[in-house]
Amino acid sequence: MDIGPDNKSVEITGRDVLYQGHYQANRYRLRHSLFAGGVGQEITREVFERGHAVAVLPYDPRRDEVVLIEQFRIAPQLAGDDPWMLEIVAGLIEPGEAVEDVARREAKEEAGLDLQQLLEIARFYTSPGAITEHVTLYCGLVDASEADGIHGVEAEGEDIRVRRLAFAEVPALFAGGLLKNTPILIALQWLLLHRDRLRGET
């Protein structure tokens, strides 16, 4: 399937730095091709430039268990929601780092786990209208018996609790509205589709 106009073009006509810190926010002025042909008028878009990330759902096919984590997140707090979120292992990719190396590092830091095998699930943008972040999502095969305790990098203020769950508990997470972020939703849906195959291969 071809996506986009027949003649794709994007012209960046200007950029203003709105904020420069650990992350960066910029305002862009641009024109782009239209589906009906030609080029549209100049538009303005504000973009949060966060870098790219990797996320991993640890799964033990022998025990039929998933390993999830819990930690505090400021955005849900500001939105009036419960700020302690159920998530999967994730981390930002620093310049020059290999994606799989980051996945293995984060699994160790956040859940105390050594990944035996990485299976790519998907690659996606978290919010392409406003954020540059691109996520590579994996299922990581693990020995879930190693998962326990509280983890995280103290210098970064991380306070992460590990949760081992039988796969049979996963549907209740969906039904109870406990899954509130994109990577965990995609990863567990993928596991629902591929679990039987993974268990048959072990």
N, C-alpha and C. Protein backbone atom coordinates (compact mmCIF):
# COMPACT_ATOMS: atom_id res chain seq x y z
N MET A 1 0.84 -1.19 0.00
CA MET A 1 0.00 0.00 0.00
C MET A 1 0.88 1.25 0.00
N ASP A 2 0.61 2.16 -0.92
CA ASP A 2 1.32 3.43 -0.94
C ASP A 2 0.58 4.42 -0.05
N ILE A 3 1.32 5.10 0.81
CA ILE A 3 0.74 6.07 1.72
C ILE A 3 1.30 7.44 1.41
N GLY A 4 0.44 8.44 1.41
CA GLY A 4 0.87 9.80 1.16
C GLY A 4 0.55 10.26 -0.24
N PRO A 5 0.75 11.55 -0.53
CA PRO A 5 0.50 12.10 -1.87
C PRO A 5 1.44 11.48 -2.89
N ASP A 6 1.09 11.61 -4.17
CA ASP A 6 1.94 11.07 -5.24
C ASP A 6 3.32 11.73 -5.23
N ASN A 7 3.34 13.03 -5.01
CA ASN A 7 4.60 13.77 -4.99
C ASN A 7 4.84 14.28 -3.58
N LYS A 8 5.62 13.54 -2.80
CA LYS A 8 5.84 13.91 -1.41
C LYS A 8 6.93 14.97 -1.29
N SER A 9 6.59 16.08 -0.67
CA SER A 9 7.61 17.08 -0.37
C SER A 9 7.24 17.80 0.91
N VAL A 10 8.27 18.12 1.67
CA VAL A 10 8.10 18.88 2.91
C VAL A 10 9.18 19.96 2.93
N GLU A 11 8.77 21.21 3.11
CA GLU A 11 9.72 22.32 3.18
C GLU A 11 9.63 22.94 4.57
N ILE A 12 10.72 22.83 5.33
CA ILE A 12 10.80 23.50 6.64
C ILE A 12 11.25 24.94 6.38
N THR A 13 10.39 25.88 6.71
CA THR A 13 10.70 27.29 6.43
C THR A 13 11.26 28.04 7.63
N GLY A 14 11.15 27.44 8.81
CA GLY A 14 11.69 28.11 9.98
C GLY A 14 11.59 27.23 11.23
N ARG A 15 12.46 27.52 12.21
CA ARG A 15 12.44 26.79 13.47
C ARG A 15 12.82 27.71 14.61
N ASP A 16 12.05 27.68 15.69
CA ASP A 16 12.35 28.44 16.90
C ASP A 16 12.49 27.46 18.05
N VAL A 17 13.54 27.61 18.84
CA VAL A 17 13.73 26.78 20.03
C VAL A 17 12.92 27.39 21.16
N LEU A 18 11.94 26.63 21.66
CA LEU A 18 11.09 27.11 22.74
C LEU A 18 11.65 26.75 24.11
N TYR A 19 12.32 25.60 24.18
CA TYR A 19 12.89 25.14 25.44
C TYR A 19 14.05 24.21 25.13
N GLN A 20 15.14 24.36 25.90
CA GLN A 20 16.29 23.49 25.75
C GLN A 20 16.74 23.03 27.13
N GLY A 21 16.55 21.72 27.40
CA GLY A 21 16.97 21.13 28.66
C GLY A 21 17.40 19.71 28.39
N HIS A 22 16.99 18.77 29.26
CA HIS A 22 17.27 17.37 28.99
C HIS A 22 16.58 16.96 27.69
N TYR A 23 15.39 17.51 27.47
CA TYR A 23 14.67 17.38 26.20
C TYR A 23 14.60 18.75 25.55
N GLN A 24 13.99 18.82 24.39
CA GLN A 24 13.90 20.10 23.67
C GLN A 24 12.54 20.25 23.05
N ALA A 25 12.02 21.47 23.06
CA ALA A 25 10.76 21.78 22.39
C ALA A 25 11.02 22.85 21.33
N ASN A 26 10.57 22.60 20.11
CA ASN A 26 10.78 23.52 19.00
C ASN A 26 9.45 23.87 18.33
N ARG A 27 9.41 25.07 17.74
CA ARG A 27 8.27 25.46 16.91
C ARG A 27 8.76 25.50 15.46
N TYR A 28 8.08 24.75 14.59
CA TYR A 28 8.44 24.68 13.18
C TYR A 28 7.40 25.38 12.32
N ARG A 29 7.88 26.02 11.26
CA ARG A 29 7.01 26.53 10.19
C ARG A 29 7.32 25.72 8.94
N LEU A 30 6.28 25.24 8.26
CA LEU A 30 6.52 24.34 7.13
C LEU A 30 5.37 24.33 6.14
N ARG A 31 5.67 23.79 4.97
CA ARG A 31 4.66 23.50 3.94
C ARG A 31 4.86 22.05 3.51
N HIS A 32 3.76 21.39 3.12
CA HIS A 32 3.90 20.01 2.64
C HIS A 32 2.91 19.73 1.51
N SER A 33 3.21 18.67 0.76
CA SER A 33 2.36 18.28 -0.36
C SER A 33 0.95 17.94 0.11
N LEU A 34 -0.03 18.16 -0.79
CA LEU A 34 -1.43 17.86 -0.50
C LEU A 34 -1.88 16.64 -1.30
N PHE A 35 -2.85 15.90 -0.79
CA PHE A 35 -3.37 14.74 -1.50
C PHE A 35 -3.99 15.13 -2.85
N ALA A 36 -4.58 16.31 -2.92
CA ALA A 36 -5.22 16.75 -4.16
C ALA A 36 -4.22 17.33 -5.16
N GLY A 37 -2.96 17.41 -4.75
CA GLY A 37 -1.93 17.97 -5.62
C GLY A 37 -1.48 19.34 -5.13
N GLY A 38 -0.29 19.71 -5.51
CA GLY A 38 0.25 20.99 -5.09
C GLY A 38 0.78 20.96 -3.68
N VAL A 39 1.08 22.15 -3.18
CA VAL A 39 1.64 22.31 -1.84
C VAL A 39 0.74 23.21 -1.03
N GLY A 40 0.53 22.86 0.24
CA GLY A 40 -0.36 23.64 1.09
C GLY A 40 0.25 24.92 1.60
N GLN A 41 -0.55 25.66 2.33
CA GLN A 41 -0.09 26.91 2.94
C GLN A 41 0.88 26.63 4.08
N GLU A 42 1.62 27.64 4.48
CA GLU A 42 2.53 27.47 5.60
C GLU A 42 1.74 27.22 6.87
N ILE A 43 2.17 26.22 7.64
CA ILE A 43 1.55 25.89 8.91
C ILE A 43 2.60 25.91 10.01
N THR A 44 2.14 25.97 11.25
CA THR A 44 3.03 25.98 12.40
C THR A 44 2.74 24.77 13.27
N ARG A 45 3.80 24.09 13.68
CA ARG A 45 3.66 22.92 14.55
C ARG A 45 4.70 22.98 15.66
N GLU A 46 4.27 22.74 16.89
CA GLU A 46 5.18 22.67 18.03
C GLU A 46 5.48 21.20 18.32
N VAL A 47 6.77 20.90 18.49
CA VAL A 47 7.21 19.51 18.60
C VAL A 47 8.10 19.33 19.83
N PHE A 48 7.80 18.28 20.60
CA PHE A 48 8.62 17.89 21.74
C PHE A 48 9.61 16.85 21.25
N GLU A 49 10.90 17.18 21.31
CA GLU A 49 11.94 16.30 20.77
C GLU A 49 12.56 15.51 21.92
N ARG A 50 12.12 14.25 22.07
CA ARG A 50 12.45 13.45 23.24
C ARG A 50 13.49 12.37 22.96
N GLY A 51 13.81 12.12 21.70
CA GLY A 51 14.70 11.01 21.38
C GLY A 51 13.90 9.74 21.16
N HIS A 52 14.59 8.60 21.11
CA HIS A 52 13.94 7.32 20.81
C HIS A 52 14.09 6.36 21.97
N ALA A 53 13.23 5.35 21.99
CA ALA A 53 13.16 4.47 23.15
C ALA A 53 13.00 3.02 22.73
N VAL A 54 13.24 2.14 23.71
CA VAL A 54 13.00 0.71 23.54
C VAL A 54 12.14 0.26 24.71
N ALA A 55 11.24 -0.69 24.47
CA ALA A 55 10.40 -1.23 25.53
C ALA A 55 10.36 -2.75 25.38
N VAL A 56 10.28 -3.45 26.52
CA VAL A 56 10.34 -4.91 26.52
C VAL A 56 9.28 -5.49 27.46
N LEU A 57 8.51 -6.44 26.95
CA LEU A 57 7.62 -7.23 27.80
C LEU A 57 8.34 -8.52 28.16
N PRO A 58 8.79 -8.69 29.40
CA PRO A 58 9.42 -9.96 29.79
C PRO A 58 8.35 -11.04 29.96
N TYR A 59 8.59 -12.19 29.30
CA TYR A 59 7.64 -13.30 29.36
C TYR A 59 8.40 -14.61 29.53
N ASP A 60 7.89 -15.44 30.44
CA ASP A 60 8.46 -16.76 30.70
C ASP A 60 7.48 -17.80 30.14
N PRO A 61 7.77 -18.37 28.97
CA PRO A 61 6.82 -19.33 28.38
C PRO A 61 6.71 -20.64 29.15
N ARG A 62 7.73 -21.01 29.90
CA ARG A 62 7.66 -22.25 30.68
C ARG A 62 6.71 -22.09 31.87
N ARG A 63 6.84 -20.99 32.57
CA ARG A 63 5.94 -20.73 33.70
C ARG A 63 4.65 -20.05 33.26
N ASP A 64 4.61 -19.58 32.04
CA ASP A 64 3.47 -18.84 31.51
C ASP A 64 3.18 -17.62 32.39
N GLU A 65 4.25 -16.84 32.61
CA GLU A 65 4.15 -15.64 33.45
C GLU A 65 4.72 -14.43 32.72
N VAL A 66 4.13 -13.28 32.98
CA VAL A 66 4.67 -12.02 32.50
C VAL A 66 5.26 -11.27 33.69
N VAL A 67 6.23 -10.41 33.40
CA VAL A 67 6.83 -9.57 34.43
C VAL A 67 6.55 -8.12 34.07
N LEU A 68 5.83 -7.45 34.96
CA LEU A 68 5.48 -6.04 34.77
C LEU A 68 6.13 -5.22 35.87
N ILE A 69 6.13 -3.91 35.69
CA ILE A 69 6.70 -3.03 36.70
C ILE A 69 5.70 -1.93 37.04
N GLU A 70 5.89 -1.34 38.21
CA GLU A 70 5.08 -0.20 38.65
C GLU A 70 6.01 0.95 39.01
N GLN A 71 5.63 2.16 38.60
CA GLN A 71 6.40 3.33 39.02
C GLN A 71 5.55 4.59 38.90
N PHE A 72 6.02 5.65 39.56
CA PHE A 72 5.32 6.94 39.55
C PHE A 72 5.57 7.67 38.24
N ARG A 73 4.51 8.30 37.69
CA ARG A 73 4.61 9.10 36.47
C ARG A 73 3.91 10.44 36.69
N ILE A 74 4.59 11.53 36.38
CA ILE A 74 4.05 12.87 36.66
C ILE A 74 2.87 13.23 35.75
N ALA A 75 2.90 12.79 34.47
CA ALA A 75 1.83 13.20 33.54
C ALA A 75 0.44 12.75 34.00
N PRO A 76 0.24 11.50 34.41
CA PRO A 76 -1.09 11.12 34.91
C PRO A 76 -1.49 11.93 36.15
N GLN A 77 -0.53 12.25 37.01
CA GLN A 77 -0.83 13.07 38.19
C GLN A 77 -1.41 14.41 37.76
N LEU A 78 -0.78 15.04 36.78
CA LEU A 78 -1.23 16.35 36.30
C LEU A 78 -2.57 16.25 35.58
N ALA A 79 -2.87 15.07 35.02
CA ALA A 79 -4.14 14.86 34.33
C ALA A 79 -5.26 14.43 35.28
N GLY A 80 -4.94 14.32 36.57
CA GLY A 80 -5.95 13.93 37.55
C GLY A 80 -6.16 12.43 37.66
N ASP A 81 -5.18 11.65 37.19
CA ASP A 81 -5.29 10.19 37.23
C ASP A 81 -4.33 9.64 38.29
N ASP A 82 -4.42 8.33 38.53
CA ASP A 82 -3.50 7.67 39.45
C ASP A 82 -2.10 7.69 38.84
N PRO A 83 -1.11 8.32 39.50
CA PRO A 83 0.21 8.44 38.89
C PRO A 83 1.08 7.19 38.99
N TRP A 84 0.68 6.19 39.78
CA TRP A 84 1.45 4.95 39.81
C TRP A 84 0.91 4.03 38.72
N MET A 85 1.75 3.78 37.74
CA MET A 85 1.31 3.08 36.55
C MET A 85 1.93 1.69 36.44
N LEU A 86 1.13 0.78 35.88
CA LEU A 86 1.60 -0.55 35.53
C LEU A 86 2.21 -0.45 34.13
N GLU A 87 3.46 -0.89 33.99
CA GLU A 87 4.18 -0.71 32.73
C GLU A 87 5.00 -1.95 32.39
N ILE A 88 5.68 -1.87 31.24
CA ILE A 88 6.72 -2.84 30.92
C ILE A 88 8.07 -2.13 30.96
N VAL A 89 9.12 -2.88 30.97
CA VAL A 89 10.48 -2.34 31.00
C VAL A 89 10.69 -1.42 29.79
N ALA A 90 11.32 -0.27 30.02
CA ALA A 90 11.57 0.65 28.91
C ALA A 90 12.69 1.61 29.26
N GLY A 91 13.30 2.19 28.23
CA GLY A 91 14.35 3.17 28.44
C GLY A 91 14.69 3.90 27.17
N LEU A 92 15.32 5.06 27.32
CA LEU A 92 15.73 5.86 26.17
C LEU A 92 17.04 5.35 25.58
N ILE A 93 17.17 5.48 24.27
CA ILE A 93 18.37 5.07 23.56
C ILE A 93 19.30 6.27 23.44
N GLU A 94 20.48 6.14 23.99
CA GLU A 94 21.46 7.22 23.89
C GLU A 94 22.17 7.14 22.54
N PRO A 95 22.71 8.27 22.05
CA PRO A 95 23.43 8.26 20.77
C PRO A 95 24.52 7.19 20.74
N GLY A 96 24.53 6.40 19.69
CA GLY A 96 25.55 5.37 19.52
C GLY A 96 25.21 4.03 20.15
N GLU A 97 24.12 3.95 20.89
CA GLU A 97 23.74 2.70 21.53
C GLU A 97 22.94 1.81 20.58
N ALA A 98 23.16 0.51 20.65
CA ALA A 98 22.37 -0.45 19.90
C ALA A 98 21.06 -0.70 20.65
N VAL A 99 19.97 -0.82 19.90
CA VAL A 99 18.65 -0.96 20.51
C VAL A 99 18.59 -2.19 21.42
N GLU A 100 19.11 -3.32 20.97
CA GLU A 100 19.04 -4.54 21.78
C GLU A 100 19.88 -4.42 23.05
N ASP A 101 20.98 -3.69 23.00
CA ASP A 101 21.79 -3.48 24.19
C ASP A 101 21.02 -2.68 25.24
N VAL A 102 20.27 -1.68 24.78
CA VAL A 102 19.46 -0.88 25.69
C VAL A 102 18.37 -1.74 26.31
N ALA A 103 17.76 -2.61 25.52
CA ALA A 103 16.71 -3.49 26.04
C ALA A 103 17.26 -4.37 27.15
N ARG A 104 18.43 -4.93 26.95
CA ARG A 104 19.02 -5.81 27.96
C ARG A 104 19.43 -5.02 29.21
N ARG A 105 19.97 -3.84 29.02
CA ARG A 105 20.36 -3.02 30.17
C ARG A 105 19.15 -2.63 31.01
N GLU A 106 18.09 -2.19 30.35
CA GLU A 106 16.90 -1.74 31.08
C GLU A 106 16.21 -2.89 31.80
N ALA A 107 16.20 -4.07 31.19
CA ALA A 107 15.60 -5.23 31.85
C ALA A 107 16.34 -5.55 33.14
N LYS A 108 17.66 -5.38 33.12
CA LYS A 108 18.46 -5.64 34.32
C LYS A 108 18.23 -4.56 35.37
N GLU A 109 18.25 -3.29 34.93
CA GLU A 109 18.11 -2.17 35.86
C GLU A 109 16.73 -2.11 36.49
N GLU A 110 15.69 -2.34 35.70
CA GLU A 110 14.33 -2.13 36.18
C GLU A 110 13.67 -3.37 36.76
N ALA A 111 14.13 -4.56 36.36
CA ALA A 111 13.46 -5.77 36.84
C ALA A 111 14.42 -6.85 37.32
N GLY A 112 15.73 -6.60 37.24
CA GLY A 112 16.71 -7.59 37.67
C GLY A 112 16.76 -8.82 36.79
N LEU A 113 16.38 -8.68 35.52
CA LEU A 113 16.25 -9.82 34.62
C LEU A 113 17.31 -9.85 33.54
N ASP A 114 17.76 -11.06 33.20
CA ASP A 114 18.60 -11.28 32.04
C ASP A 114 17.71 -11.79 30.91
N LEU A 115 17.72 -11.10 29.79
CA LEU A 115 16.91 -11.51 28.65
C LEU A 115 17.58 -12.64 27.89
N GLN A 116 16.85 -13.73 27.68
CA GLN A 116 17.40 -14.88 26.97
C GLN A 116 17.26 -14.72 25.46
N GLN A 117 16.17 -14.10 25.04
CA GLN A 117 15.91 -13.92 23.61
C GLN A 117 15.00 -12.72 23.43
N LEU A 118 15.22 -11.95 22.37
CA LEU A 118 14.38 -10.79 22.06
C LEU A 118 13.61 -11.05 20.79
N LEU A 119 12.31 -10.85 20.85
CA LEU A 119 11.43 -11.01 19.69
C LEU A 119 10.80 -9.65 19.39
N GLU A 120 11.07 -9.11 18.21
CA GLU A 120 10.52 -7.79 17.90
C GLU A 120 9.01 -7.87 17.68
N ILE A 121 8.29 -6.97 18.33
CA ILE A 121 6.83 -6.89 18.20
C ILE A 121 6.43 -5.82 17.20
N ALA A 122 6.96 -4.60 17.38
CA ALA A 122 6.54 -3.48 16.53
C ALA A 122 7.48 -2.31 16.71
N ARG A 123 7.39 -1.39 15.77
CA ARG A 123 8.07 -0.09 15.88
C ARG A 123 7.01 0.97 15.62
N PHE A 124 6.95 1.98 16.49
CA PHE A 124 5.86 2.96 16.35
C PHE A 124 6.24 4.30 16.99
N TYR A 125 5.50 5.34 16.60
CA TYR A 125 5.61 6.66 17.22
C TYR A 125 4.54 6.79 18.29
N THR A 126 4.91 7.32 19.45
CA THR A 126 3.95 7.39 20.55
C THR A 126 2.86 8.44 20.30
N SER A 127 3.22 9.55 19.69
CA SER A 127 2.26 10.61 19.40
C SER A 127 2.80 11.45 18.25
N PRO A 128 2.68 10.97 17.00
CA PRO A 128 3.39 11.56 15.87
C PRO A 128 2.98 12.99 15.52
N GLY A 129 1.86 13.45 16.07
CA GLY A 129 1.47 14.83 15.80
C GLY A 129 2.27 15.84 16.58
N ALA A 130 2.98 15.40 17.64
CA ALA A 130 3.66 16.38 18.48
C ALA A 130 4.97 15.92 19.10
N ILE A 131 5.29 14.61 19.04
CA ILE A 131 6.47 14.09 19.72
C ILE A 131 7.31 13.26 18.75
N THR A 132 8.62 13.48 18.74
CA THR A 132 9.49 12.75 17.81
C THR A 132 9.78 11.33 18.27
N GLU A 133 9.47 10.99 19.52
CA GLU A 133 9.85 9.70 20.08
C GLU A 133 9.35 8.52 19.24
N HIS A 134 10.27 7.61 18.93
CA HIS A 134 9.99 6.38 18.20
C HIS A 134 10.36 5.22 19.11
N VAL A 135 9.47 4.23 19.25
CA VAL A 135 9.68 3.12 20.16
C VAL A 135 9.88 1.81 19.39
N THR A 136 10.90 1.05 19.75
CA THR A 136 11.06 -0.31 19.28
C THR A 136 10.61 -1.22 20.42
N LEU A 137 9.62 -2.05 20.14
CA LEU A 137 8.97 -2.86 21.18
C LEU A 137 9.31 -4.34 21.00
N TYR A 138 9.70 -4.98 22.10
CA TYR A 138 10.08 -6.39 22.08
C TYR A 138 9.29 -7.18 23.11
N CYS A 139 9.24 -8.49 22.86
CA CYS A 139 8.94 -9.46 23.90
C CYS A 139 10.27 -10.10 24.24
N GLY A 140 10.63 -10.11 25.52
CA GLY A 140 11.89 -10.71 25.94
C GLY A 140 11.64 -11.98 26.74
N LEU A 141 12.17 -13.09 26.28
CA LEU A 141 11.98 -14.35 26.99
C LEU A 141 12.93 -14.39 28.19
N VAL A 142 12.37 -14.76 29.35
CA VAL A 142 13.12 -14.69 30.60
C VAL A 142 12.80 -15.89 31.49
N ASP A 143 13.56 -16.01 32.57
CA ASP A 143 13.24 -16.88 33.68
C ASP A 143 12.56 -15.99 34.72
N ALA A 144 11.24 -16.04 34.78
CA ALA A 144 10.50 -15.12 35.63
C ALA A 144 10.75 -15.33 37.11
N SER A 145 11.31 -16.48 37.49
CA SER A 145 11.59 -16.72 38.91
C SER A 145 12.65 -15.75 39.44
N GLU A 146 13.40 -15.11 38.53
CA GLU A 146 14.42 -14.15 38.94
C GLU A 146 13.83 -12.78 39.25
N ALA A 147 12.56 -12.57 38.90
CA ALA A 147 11.95 -11.25 39.01
C ALA A 147 11.35 -11.04 40.40
N ASP A 148 11.85 -10.01 41.09
CA ASP A 148 11.34 -9.73 42.43
C ASP A 148 11.93 -8.41 42.91
N GLY A 149 11.28 -7.81 43.89
CA GLY A 149 11.86 -6.69 44.60
C GLY A 149 11.61 -5.33 44.00
N ILE A 150 12.41 -4.38 44.46
CA ILE A 150 12.32 -2.98 44.04
C ILE A 150 13.64 -2.61 43.36
N HIS A 151 13.54 -1.98 42.21
CA HIS A 151 14.71 -1.71 41.38
C HIS A 151 14.72 -0.25 40.93
N GLY A 152 15.67 0.06 40.04
CA GLY A 152 15.80 1.40 39.49
C GLY A 152 17.14 2.01 39.83
N VAL A 153 17.49 3.07 39.11
CA VAL A 153 18.74 3.80 39.32
C VAL A 153 18.47 4.90 40.33
N GLU A 154 19.06 4.77 41.51
CA GLU A 154 18.79 5.72 42.60
C GLU A 154 19.14 7.15 42.21
N ALA A 155 20.24 7.32 41.48
CA ALA A 155 20.66 8.66 41.08
C ALA A 155 19.65 9.34 40.17
N GLU A 156 18.82 8.55 39.51
CA GLU A 156 17.80 9.10 38.62
C GLU A 156 16.43 9.18 39.31
N GLY A 157 16.40 8.89 40.61
CA GLY A 157 15.15 8.97 41.35
C GLY A 157 14.16 7.88 41.02
N GLU A 158 14.64 6.76 40.48
CA GLU A 158 13.74 5.67 40.09
C GLU A 158 13.37 4.82 41.30
N ASP A 159 12.11 4.47 41.40
CA ASP A 159 11.58 3.61 42.45
C ASP A 159 10.60 2.66 41.77
N ILE A 160 11.09 1.48 41.39
CA ILE A 160 10.34 0.58 40.50
C ILE A 160 10.08 -0.74 41.20
N ARG A 161 8.81 -1.10 41.31
CA ARG A 161 8.44 -2.38 41.91
C ARG A 161 8.11 -3.39 40.81
N VAL A 162 8.65 -4.60 40.97
CA VAL A 162 8.45 -5.67 40.00
C VAL A 162 7.23 -6.50 40.38
N ARG A 163 6.44 -6.87 39.35
CA ARG A 163 5.26 -7.72 39.58
C ARG A 163 5.29 -8.90 38.62
N ARG A 164 5.26 -10.11 39.18
CA ARG A 164 5.11 -11.34 38.37
C ARG A 164 3.64 -11.71 38.35
N LEU A 165 3.13 -11.95 37.15
CA LEU A 165 1.73 -12.32 37.02
C LEU A 165 1.59 -13.54 36.12
N ALA A 166 0.72 -14.45 36.51
CA ALA A 166 0.36 -15.55 35.62
C ALA A 166 -0.35 -14.97 34.40
N PHE A 167 -0.12 -15.56 33.24
CA PHE A 167 -0.78 -15.06 32.04
C PHE A 167 -2.30 -15.04 32.19
N ALA A 168 -2.83 -15.96 32.97
CA ALA A 168 -4.28 -16.02 33.18
C ALA A 168 -4.83 -14.76 33.81
N GLU A 169 -3.96 -13.94 34.44
CA GLU A 169 -4.40 -12.70 35.06
C GLU A 169 -4.46 -11.53 34.08
N VAL A 170 -3.89 -11.69 32.88
CA VAL A 170 -3.80 -10.58 31.94
C VAL A 170 -5.17 -10.06 31.49
N PRO A 171 -6.15 -10.91 31.13
CA PRO A 171 -7.45 -10.37 30.73
C PRO A 171 -8.08 -9.47 31.78
N ALA A 172 -7.86 -9.76 33.05
CA ALA A 172 -8.42 -8.93 34.11
C ALA A 172 -7.78 -7.54 34.14
N LEU A 173 -6.53 -7.43 33.69
CA LEU A 173 -5.88 -6.13 33.61
C LEU A 173 -6.57 -5.25 32.58
N PHE A 174 -6.94 -5.85 31.45
CA PHE A 174 -7.68 -5.11 30.43
C PHE A 174 -9.05 -4.72 30.97
N ALA A 175 -9.75 -5.68 31.53
CA ALA A 175 -11.12 -5.44 32.00
C ALA A 175 -11.16 -4.41 33.13
N GLY A 176 -10.12 -4.39 33.96
CA GLY A 176 -10.09 -3.48 35.09
C GLY A 176 -9.57 -2.09 34.77
N GLY A 177 -9.22 -1.84 33.51
CA GLY A 177 -8.73 -0.52 33.13
C GLY A 177 -7.38 -0.17 33.73
N LEU A 178 -6.56 -1.18 34.01
CA LEU A 178 -5.27 -0.94 34.65
C LEU A 178 -4.14 -0.70 33.65
N LEU A 179 -4.41 -0.86 32.37
CA LEU A 179 -3.39 -0.69 31.33
C LEU A 179 -3.61 0.66 30.65
N LYS A 180 -2.73 1.61 30.94
CA LYS A 180 -2.99 3.00 30.53
C LYS A 180 -1.87 3.63 29.71
N ASN A 181 -0.95 2.81 29.19
CA ASN A 181 0.08 3.38 28.33
C ASN A 181 0.27 2.50 27.10
N THR A 182 0.72 3.11 26.03
CA THR A 182 0.77 2.45 24.73
C THR A 182 1.61 1.17 24.69
N PRO A 183 2.88 1.18 25.17
CA PRO A 183 3.68 -0.04 25.03
C PRO A 183 3.08 -1.27 25.70
N ILE A 184 2.54 -1.13 26.90
CA ILE A 184 2.00 -2.30 27.58
C ILE A 184 0.75 -2.82 26.89
N LEU A 185 -0.06 -1.92 26.36
CA LEU A 185 -1.26 -2.33 25.64
C LEU A 185 -0.90 -3.13 24.38
N ILE A 186 0.03 -2.61 23.59
CA ILE A 186 0.43 -3.29 22.36
C ILE A 186 1.09 -4.63 22.68
N ALA A 187 2.00 -4.62 23.67
CA ALA A 187 2.76 -5.83 23.98
C ALA A 187 1.86 -6.96 24.49
N LEU A 188 0.93 -6.66 25.37
CA LEU A 188 0.07 -7.71 25.91
C LEU A 188 -0.94 -8.20 24.88
N GLN A 189 -1.39 -7.31 24.00
CA GLN A 189 -2.26 -7.76 22.91
C GLN A 189 -1.50 -8.71 21.99
N TRP A 190 -0.24 -8.37 21.72
CA TRP A 190 0.60 -9.25 20.88
C TRP A 190 0.77 -10.60 21.55
N LEU A 191 1.01 -10.60 22.86
CA LEU A 191 1.20 -11.86 23.57
C LEU A 191 -0.07 -12.71 23.55
N LEU A 192 -1.21 -12.08 23.64
CA LEU A 192 -2.47 -12.81 23.54
C LEU A 192 -2.55 -13.58 22.22
N LEU A 193 -2.00 -12.99 21.16
CA LEU A 193 -2.04 -13.62 19.84
C LEU A 193 -0.95 -14.68 19.65
N HIS A 194 0.20 -14.52 20.30
CA HIS A 194 1.37 -15.36 20.02
C HIS A 194 1.77 -16.29 21.16
N ARG A 195 1.07 -16.25 22.27
CA ARG A 195 1.45 -17.04 23.44
C ARG A 195 1.53 -18.53 23.14
N ASP A 196 0.54 -19.08 22.47
CA ASP A 196 0.52 -20.52 22.21
C ASP A 196 1.75 -20.94 21.41
N ARG A 197 2.13 -20.13 20.42
CA ARG A 197 3.31 -20.45 19.61
C ARG A 197 4.57 -20.41 20.48
N LEU A 198 4.70 -19.40 21.32
CA LEU A 198 5.89 -19.29 22.17
C LEU A 198 5.99 -20.44 23.14
N ARG A 199 4.87 -20.86 23.70
CA ARG A 199 4.90 -21.97 24.64
C ARG A 199 5.21 -23.28 23.92
N GLY A 200 4.77 -23.40 22.68
CA GLY A 200 5.03 -24.62 21.92
C GLY A 200 6.47 -24.74 21.48
N GLU A 201 7.21 -23.61 21.46
CA GLU A 201 8.60 -23.63 21.01
C GLU A 201 9.57 -23.89 22.15
N THR A 202 9.08 -23.93 23.41
CA THR A 202 9.99 -24.13 24.54
C THR A 202 10.00 -25.58 24.99
